[in-house]
PDB file of all heavy atoms in Angstrom:
ATOM      1  N   HIS A   1      17.909 -10.245  -2.089  1.00  0.00           N
ATOM      2  CA  HIS A   1      18.499  -9.210  -2.947  1.00  0.00           C
ATOM      3  C   HIS A   1      17.505  -8.741  -4.014  1.00  0.00           C
ATOM      4  O   HIS A   1      17.879  -8.535  -5.187  1.00  0.00           O
ATOM      5  CB  HIS A   1      19.775  -9.741  -3.588  1.00  0.00           C
ATOM      6  CG  HIS A   1      20.806  -8.678  -3.861  1.00  0.00           C
ATOM      7  ND1 HIS A   1      21.190  -7.735  -2.935  1.00  0.00           N
ATOM      8  CD2 HIS A   1      21.543  -8.417  -4.985  1.00  0.00           C
ATOM      9  CE1 HIS A   1      22.103  -6.947  -3.468  1.00  0.00           C
ATOM     10  NE2 HIS A   1      22.330  -7.323  -4.699  1.00  0.00           N
ATOM     11  N   ASN A   2      16.239  -8.578  -3.603  1.00  0.00           N
ATOM     12  CA  ASN A   2      15.236  -8.066  -4.537  1.00  0.00           C
ATOM     13  C   ASN A   2      15.537  -6.602  -4.854  1.00  0.00           C
ATOM     14  O   ASN A   2      16.484  -6.013  -4.335  1.00  0.00           O
ATOM     15  CB  ASN A   2      13.828  -8.261  -3.975  1.00  0.00           C
ATOM     16  CG  ASN A   2      13.611  -7.536  -2.646  1.00  0.00           C
ATOM     17  OD1 ASN A   2      13.776  -6.324  -2.544  1.00  0.00           O
ATOM     18  ND2 ASN A   2      13.254  -8.292  -1.617  1.00  0.00           N
ATOM     19  N   ASP A   3      14.720  -6.003  -5.684  1.00  0.00           N
ATOM     20  CA  ASP A   3      15.019  -4.643  -6.162  1.00  0.00           C
ATOM     21  C   ASP A   3      15.125  -3.638  -5.014  1.00  0.00           C
ATOM     22  O   ASP A   3      15.976  -2.739  -5.031  1.00  0.00           O
ATOM     23  CB  ASP A   3      13.951  -4.182  -7.159  1.00  0.00           C
ATOM     24  CG  ASP A   3      14.069  -4.891  -8.495  1.00  0.00           C
ATOM     25  OD1 ASP A   3      15.121  -5.502  -8.746  1.00  0.00           O
ATOM     26  OD2 ASP A   3      13.105  -4.839  -9.284  1.00  0.00           O
ATOM     27  N   ALA A   4      14.245  -3.784  -3.995  1.00  0.00           N
ATOM     28  CA  ALA A   4      14.305  -2.869  -2.850  1.00  0.00           C
ATOM     29  C   ALA A   4      15.584  -3.081  -2.054  1.00  0.00           C
ATOM     30  O   ALA A   4      16.186  -2.124  -1.554  1.00  0.00           O
ATOM     31  CB  ALA A   4      13.085  -3.056  -1.956  1.00  0.00           C
ATOM     32  N   LEU A   5      16.020  -4.327  -1.935  1.00  0.00           N
ATOM     33  CA  LEU A   5      17.217  -4.618  -1.150  1.00  0.00           C
ATOM     34  C   LEU A   5      18.495  -4.230  -1.890  1.00  0.00           C
ATOM     35  O   LEU A   5      19.499  -3.887  -1.253  1.00  0.00           O
ATOM     36  CB  LEU A   5      17.249  -6.100  -0.763  1.00  0.00           C
ATOM     37  CG  LEU A   5      16.094  -6.568   0.126  1.00  0.00           C
ATOM     38  CD1 LEU A   5      16.284  -8.033   0.514  1.00  0.00           C
ATOM     39  CD2 LEU A   5      15.973  -5.709   1.385  1.00  0.00           C
ATOM     40  N   LYS A   6      18.467  -4.263  -3.196  1.00  0.00           N
ATOM     41  CA  LYS A   6      19.643  -3.820  -3.952  1.00  0.00           C
ATOM     42  C   LYS A   6      19.942  -2.346  -3.686  1.00  0.00           C
ATOM     43  O   LYS A   6      21.101  -1.946  -3.585  1.00  0.00           O
ATOM     44  CB  LYS A   6      19.428  -4.052  -5.443  1.00  0.00           C
ATOM     45  CG  LYS A   6      19.479  -5.513  -5.857  1.00  0.00           C
ATOM     46  CD  LYS A   6      19.194  -5.676  -7.340  1.00  0.00           C
ATOM     47  CE  LYS A   6      19.208  -7.155  -7.728  1.00  0.00           C
ATOM     48  NZ  LYS A   6      18.855  -7.342  -9.161  1.00  0.00           N
ATOM     49  N   VAL A   7      18.890  -1.547  -3.566  1.00  0.00           N
ATOM     50  CA  VAL A   7      19.094  -0.135  -3.247  1.00  0.00           C
ATOM     51  C   VAL A   7      19.410   0.026  -1.764  1.00  0.00           C
ATOM     52  O   VAL A   7      20.192   0.901  -1.373  1.00  0.00           O
ATOM     53  CB  VAL A   7      17.866   0.697  -3.648  1.00  0.00           C
ATOM     54  CG1 VAL A   7      18.166   2.184  -3.504  1.00  0.00           C
ATOM     55  CG2 VAL A   7      17.452   0.396  -5.078  1.00  0.00           C
ATOM     56  N   ALA A   8      18.822  -0.828  -0.915  1.00  0.00           N
ATOM     57  CA  ALA A   8      19.122  -0.787   0.514  1.00  0.00           C
ATOM     58  C   ALA A   8      20.612  -0.970   0.765  1.00  0.00           C
ATOM     59  O   ALA A   8      21.218  -0.258   1.577  1.00  0.00           O
ATOM     60  CB  ALA A   8      18.331  -1.868   1.247  1.00  0.00           C
ATOM     61  N   VAL A   9      21.210  -1.910   0.049  1.00  0.00           N
ATOM     62  CA  VAL A   9      22.642  -2.157   0.183  1.00  0.00           C
ATOM     63  C   VAL A   9      23.432  -0.902  -0.176  1.00  0.00           C
ATOM     64  O   VAL A   9      24.426  -0.563   0.481  1.00  0.00           O
ATOM     65  CB  VAL A   9      23.056  -3.354  -0.699  1.00  0.00           C
ATOM     66  CG1 VAL A   9      24.567  -3.428  -0.840  1.00  0.00           C
ATOM     67  CG2 VAL A   9      22.521  -4.657  -0.127  1.00  0.00           C
ATOM     68  N   ALA A  10      22.981  -0.174  -1.194  1.00  0.00           N
ATOM     69  CA  ALA A  10      23.670   1.053  -1.597  1.00  0.00           C
ATOM     70  C   ALA A  10      23.583   2.130  -0.529  1.00  0.00           C
ATOM     71  O   ALA A  10      24.383   3.071  -0.524  1.00  0.00           O
ATOM     72  CB  ALA A  10      23.094   1.569  -2.913  1.00  0.00           C
ATOM     73  N   GLY A  11      22.619   2.008   0.378  1.00  0.00           N
ATOM     74  CA  GLY A  11      22.530   2.905   1.526  1.00  0.00           C
ATOM     75  C   GLY A  11      23.259   2.382   2.743  1.00  0.00           C
ATOM     76  O   GLY A  11      23.192   3.002   3.815  1.00  0.00           O
ATOM     77  N   GLY A  12      23.941   1.243   2.607  1.00  0.00           N
ATOM     78  CA  GLY A  12      24.722   0.684   3.705  1.00  0.00           C
ATOM     79  C   GLY A  12      23.967  -0.285   4.592  1.00  0.00           C
ATOM     80  O   GLY A  12      24.515  -0.751   5.591  1.00  0.00           O
ATOM     81  N   VAL A  13      22.713  -0.618   4.252  1.00  0.00           N
ATOM     82  CA  VAL A  13      21.914  -1.524   5.077  1.00  0.00           C
ATOM     83  C   VAL A  13      22.259  -2.966   4.708  1.00  0.00           C
ATOM     84  O   VAL A  13      22.062  -3.381   3.562  1.00  0.00           O
ATOM     85  CB  VAL A  13      20.406  -1.275   4.894  1.00  0.00           C
ATOM     86  CG1 VAL A  13      19.593  -2.216   5.783  1.00  0.00           C
ATOM     87  CG2 VAL A  13      20.060   0.178   5.187  1.00  0.00           C
ATOM     88  N   THR A  14      22.747  -3.726   5.678  1.00  0.00           N
ATOM     89  CA  THR A  14      23.150  -5.109   5.412  1.00  0.00           C
ATOM     90  C   THR A  14      22.289  -6.139   6.124  1.00  0.00           C
ATOM     91  O   THR A  14      22.316  -7.313   5.769  1.00  0.00           O
ATOM     92  CB  THR A  14      24.617  -5.334   5.824  1.00  0.00           C
ATOM     93  OG1 THR A  14      24.780  -5.004   7.205  1.00  0.00           O
ATOM     94  CG2 THR A  14      25.552  -4.472   4.985  1.00  0.00           C
ATOM     95  N   THR A  15      21.510  -5.715   7.128  1.00  0.00           N
ATOM     96  CA  THR A  15      20.632  -6.632   7.867  1.00  0.00           C
ATOM     97  C   THR A  15      19.306  -5.941   8.125  1.00  0.00           C
ATOM     98  O   THR A  15      19.280  -4.758   8.478  1.00  0.00           O
ATOM     99  CB  THR A  15      21.257  -7.040   9.214  1.00  0.00           C
ATOM    100  OG1 THR A  15      22.486  -7.741   8.984  1.00  0.00           O
ATOM    101  CG2 THR A  15      20.319  -7.946  10.006  1.00  0.00           C
ATOM    102  N   ILE A  16      18.213  -6.699   7.960  1.00  0.00           N
ATOM    103  CA  ILE A  16      16.900  -6.156   8.290  1.00  0.00           C
ATOM    104  C   ILE A  16      16.121  -7.151   9.133  1.00  0.00           C
ATOM    105  O   ILE A  16      16.342  -8.369   9.055  1.00  0.00           O
ATOM    106  CB  ILE A  16      16.070  -5.786   7.040  1.00  0.00           C
ATOM    107  CG1 ILE A  16      15.804  -7.016   6.164  1.00  0.00           C
ATOM    108  CG2 ILE A  16      16.752  -4.682   6.252  1.00  0.00           C
ATOM    109  CD1 ILE A  16      14.806  -6.760   5.026  1.00  0.00           C
ATOM    110  N   CYS A  17      15.221  -6.618   9.934  1.00  0.00           N
ATOM    111  CA  CYS A  17      14.215  -7.408  10.630  1.00  0.00           C
ATOM    112  C   CYS A  17      12.982  -7.385   9.735  1.00  0.00           C
ATOM    113  O   CYS A  17      12.248  -6.398   9.698  1.00  0.00           O
ATOM    114  CB  CYS A  17      13.925  -6.816  12.004  1.00  0.00           C
ATOM    115  SG  CYS A  17      12.611  -7.651  12.910  1.00  0.00           S
ATOM    116  N   PHE A  18      12.792  -8.464   9.001  1.00  0.00           N
ATOM    117  CA  PHE A  18      11.716  -8.571   8.018  1.00  0.00           C
ATOM    118  C   PHE A  18      10.489  -9.159   8.704  1.00  0.00           C
ATOM    119  O   PHE A  18      10.495 -10.322   9.109  1.00  0.00           O
ATOM    120  CB  PHE A  18      12.177  -9.444   6.850  1.00  0.00           C
ATOM    121  CG  PHE A  18      11.123  -9.721   5.817  1.00  0.00           C
ATOM    122  CD1 PHE A  18      10.274  -8.724   5.365  1.00  0.00           C
ATOM    123  CD2 PHE A  18      10.998 -11.002   5.278  1.00  0.00           C
ATOM    124  CE1 PHE A  18       9.311  -8.987   4.410  1.00  0.00           C
ATOM    125  CE2 PHE A  18      10.041 -11.275   4.315  1.00  0.00           C
ATOM    126  CZ  PHE A  18       9.188 -10.272   3.882  1.00  0.00           C
ATOM    127  N   ILE A  19       9.434  -8.347   8.847  1.00  0.00           N
ATOM    128  CA  ILE A  19       8.296  -8.742   9.677  1.00  0.00           C
ATOM    129  C   ILE A  19       6.978  -8.625   8.916  1.00  0.00           C
ATOM    130  O   ILE A  19       6.871  -7.877   7.953  1.00  0.00           O
ATOM    131  CB  ILE A  19       8.215  -7.880  10.957  1.00  0.00           C
ATOM    132  CG1 ILE A  19       8.328  -6.390  10.633  1.00  0.00           C
ATOM    133  CG2 ILE A  19       9.256  -8.323  11.972  1.00  0.00           C
ATOM    134  CD1 ILE A  19       8.245  -5.484  11.853  1.00  0.00           C
ATOM    135  N   PRO A  20       5.956  -9.393   9.383  1.00  0.00           N
ATOM    136  CA  PRO A  20       4.619  -9.210   8.822  1.00  0.00           C
ATOM    137  C   PRO A  20       4.090  -7.815   9.110  1.00  0.00           C
ATOM    138  O   PRO A  20       4.620  -7.095   9.965  1.00  0.00           O
ATOM    139  CB  PRO A  20       3.785 -10.274   9.548  1.00  0.00           C
ATOM    140  CG  PRO A  20       4.775 -11.278  10.046  1.00  0.00           C
ATOM    141  CD  PRO A  20       6.014 -10.495  10.347  1.00  0.00           C
ATOM    142  N   GLY A  21       3.018  -7.448   8.418  1.00  0.00           N
ATOM    143  CA  GLY A  21       2.429  -6.132   8.592  1.00  0.00           C
ATOM    144  C   GLY A  21       1.667  -5.993   9.891  1.00  0.00           C
ATOM    145  O   GLY A  21       1.556  -6.937  10.684  1.00  0.00           O
ATOM    146  N   SER A  22       1.132  -4.812  10.104  1.00  0.00           N
ATOM    147  CA  SER A  22       0.451  -4.493  11.363  1.00  0.00           C
ATOM    148  C   SER A  22      -1.057  -4.385  11.175  1.00  0.00           C
ATOM    149  O   SER A  22      -1.731  -3.647  11.887  1.00  0.00           O
ATOM    150  CB  SER A  22       1.012  -3.197  11.942  1.00  0.00           C
ATOM    151  OG  SER A  22       0.978  -2.167  10.978  1.00  0.00           O
ATOM    152  N   GLY A  23      -1.602  -5.139  10.219  1.00  0.00           N
ATOM    153  CA  GLY A  23      -3.033  -5.114  10.005  1.00  0.00           C
ATOM    154  C   GLY A  23      -3.809  -5.799  11.109  1.00  0.00           C
ATOM    155  O   GLY A  23      -5.010  -5.564  11.257  1.00  0.00           O
ATOM    156  N   THR A  24      -3.124  -6.662  11.874  1.00  0.00           N
ATOM    157  CA  THR A  24      -3.772  -7.361  12.985  1.00  0.00           C
ATOM    158  C   THR A  24      -2.919  -7.212  14.236  1.00  0.00           C
ATOM    159  O   THR A  24      -1.766  -6.792  14.182  1.00  0.00           O
ATOM    160  CB  THR A  24      -3.956  -8.856  12.672  1.00  0.00           C
ATOM    161  OG1 THR A  24      -2.674  -9.446  12.425  1.00  0.00           O
ATOM    162  CG2 THR A  24      -4.831  -9.047  11.449  1.00  0.00           C
ATOM    163  N   ASN A  25      -3.500  -7.599  15.379  1.00  0.00           N
ATOM    164  CA  ASN A  25      -2.791  -7.423  16.647  1.00  0.00           C
ATOM    165  C   ASN A  25      -1.552  -8.300  16.756  1.00  0.00           C
ATOM    166  O   ASN A  25      -0.560  -7.896  17.358  1.00  0.00           O
ATOM    167  CB  ASN A  25      -3.717  -7.741  17.822  1.00  0.00           C
ATOM    168  CG  ASN A  25      -4.938  -6.850  17.870  1.00  0.00           C
ATOM    169  OD1 ASN A  25      -6.036  -7.301  18.156  1.00  0.00           O
ATOM    170  ND2 ASN A  25      -4.752  -5.568  17.574  1.00  0.00           N
ATOM    171  N   MET A  26      -1.609  -9.505  16.221  1.00  0.00           N
ATOM    172  CA  MET A  26      -0.445 -10.393  16.202  1.00  0.00           C
ATOM    173  C   MET A  26      -0.295 -10.885  14.777  1.00  0.00           C
ATOM    174  O   MET A  26      -0.988 -11.794  14.330  1.00  0.00           O
ATOM    175  CB  MET A  26      -0.622 -11.568  17.171  1.00  0.00           C
ATOM    176  CG  MET A  26       0.598 -12.459  17.306  1.00  0.00           C
ATOM    177  SD  MET A  26       0.337 -13.854  18.453  1.00  0.00           S
ATOM    178  CE  MET A  26       0.192 -12.988  20.014  1.00  0.00           C
ATOM    179  N   GLY A  27       0.626 -10.255  14.050  1.00  0.00           N
ATOM    180  CA  GLY A  27       0.738 -10.514  12.625  1.00  0.00           C
ATOM    181  C   GLY A  27       1.436 -11.807  12.278  1.00  0.00           C
ATOM    182  O   GLY A  27       1.274 -12.324  11.180  1.00  0.00           O
ATOM    183  N   GLY A  28       2.253 -12.345  13.186  1.00  0.00           N
ATOM    184  CA  GLY A  28       2.982 -13.571  12.922  1.00  0.00           C
ATOM    185  C   GLY A  28       4.466 -13.402  13.186  1.00  0.00           C
ATOM    186  O   GLY A  28       4.898 -12.455  13.835  1.00  0.00           O
ATOM    187  N   TRP A  29       5.246 -14.314  12.637  1.00  0.00           N
ATOM    188  CA  TRP A  29       6.667 -14.441  12.947  1.00  0.00           C
ATOM    189  C   TRP A  29       7.510 -13.911  11.804  1.00  0.00           C
ATOM    190  O   TRP A  29       7.234 -14.191  10.635  1.00  0.00           O
ATOM    191  CB  TRP A  29       7.010 -15.893  13.240  1.00  0.00           C
ATOM    192  CG  TRP A  29       6.120 -16.461  14.294  1.00  0.00           C
ATOM    193  CD1 TRP A  29       4.912 -17.063  14.115  1.00  0.00           C
ATOM    194  CD2 TRP A  29       6.348 -16.424  15.709  1.00  0.00           C
ATOM    195  NE1 TRP A  29       4.377 -17.413  15.334  1.00  0.00           N
ATOM    196  CE2 TRP A  29       5.230 -17.036  16.326  1.00  0.00           C
ATOM    197  CE3 TRP A  29       7.382 -15.941  16.511  1.00  0.00           C
ATOM    198  CZ2 TRP A  29       5.121 -17.168  17.709  1.00  0.00           C
ATOM    199  CZ3 TRP A  29       7.277 -16.078  17.893  1.00  0.00           C
ATOM    200  CH2 TRP A  29       6.162 -16.683  18.474  1.00  0.00           C
ATOM    201  N   GLY A  30       8.532 -13.136  12.143  1.00  0.00           N
ATOM    202  CA  GLY A  30       9.404 -12.552  11.143  1.00  0.00           C
ATOM    203  C   GLY A  30      10.795 -13.151  11.184  1.00  0.00           C
ATOM    204  O   GLY A  30      11.160 -13.878  12.123  1.00  0.00           O
ATOM    205  N   ALA A  31      11.585 -12.820  10.179  1.00  0.00           N
ATOM    206  CA  ALA A  31      12.945 -13.342  10.039  1.00  0.00           C
ATOM    207  C   ALA A  31      13.956 -12.204  10.123  1.00  0.00           C
ATOM    208  O   ALA A  31      13.694 -11.078   9.699  1.00  0.00           O
ATOM    209  CB  ALA A  31      13.095 -14.066   8.709  1.00  0.00           C
ATOM    210  N   LEU A  32      15.118 -12.509  10.649  1.00  0.00           N
ATOM    211  CA  LEU A  32      16.265 -11.611  10.620  1.00  0.00           C
ATOM    212  C   LEU A  32      17.147 -12.060   9.470  1.00  0.00           C
ATOM    213  O   LEU A  32      17.555 -13.224   9.412  1.00  0.00           O
ATOM    214  CB  LEU A  32      17.011 -11.663  11.949  1.00  0.00           C
ATOM    215  CG  LEU A  32      16.135 -11.357  13.166  1.00  0.00           C
ATOM    216  CD1 LEU A  32      16.895 -11.590  14.459  1.00  0.00           C
ATOM    217  CD2 LEU A  32      15.596  -9.945  13.112  1.00  0.00           C
ATOM    218  N   MET A  33      17.422 -11.152   8.536  1.00  0.00           N
ATOM    219  CA  MET A  33      18.040 -11.570   7.278  1.00  0.00           C
ATOM    220  C   MET A  33      19.021 -10.533   6.754  1.00  0.00           C
ATOM    221  O   MET A  33      18.941  -9.348   7.090  1.00  0.00           O
ATOM    222  CB  MET A  33      16.958 -11.818   6.224  1.00  0.00           C
ATOM    223  CG  MET A  33      16.100 -10.602   5.907  1.00  0.00           C
ATOM    224  SD  MET A  33      14.892 -10.882   4.569  1.00  0.00           S
ATOM    225  CE  MET A  33      15.976 -10.887   3.133  1.00  0.00           C
TER     226      MET A  33
END
């Protein structure tokens, strides 16, 4: 519920696929939250 997510909720977004960036070919493992 950080500042970006507080506004996300106001837009109706309740779930995100939170992933590493695309600076490399395999950025790593992300969370569904």
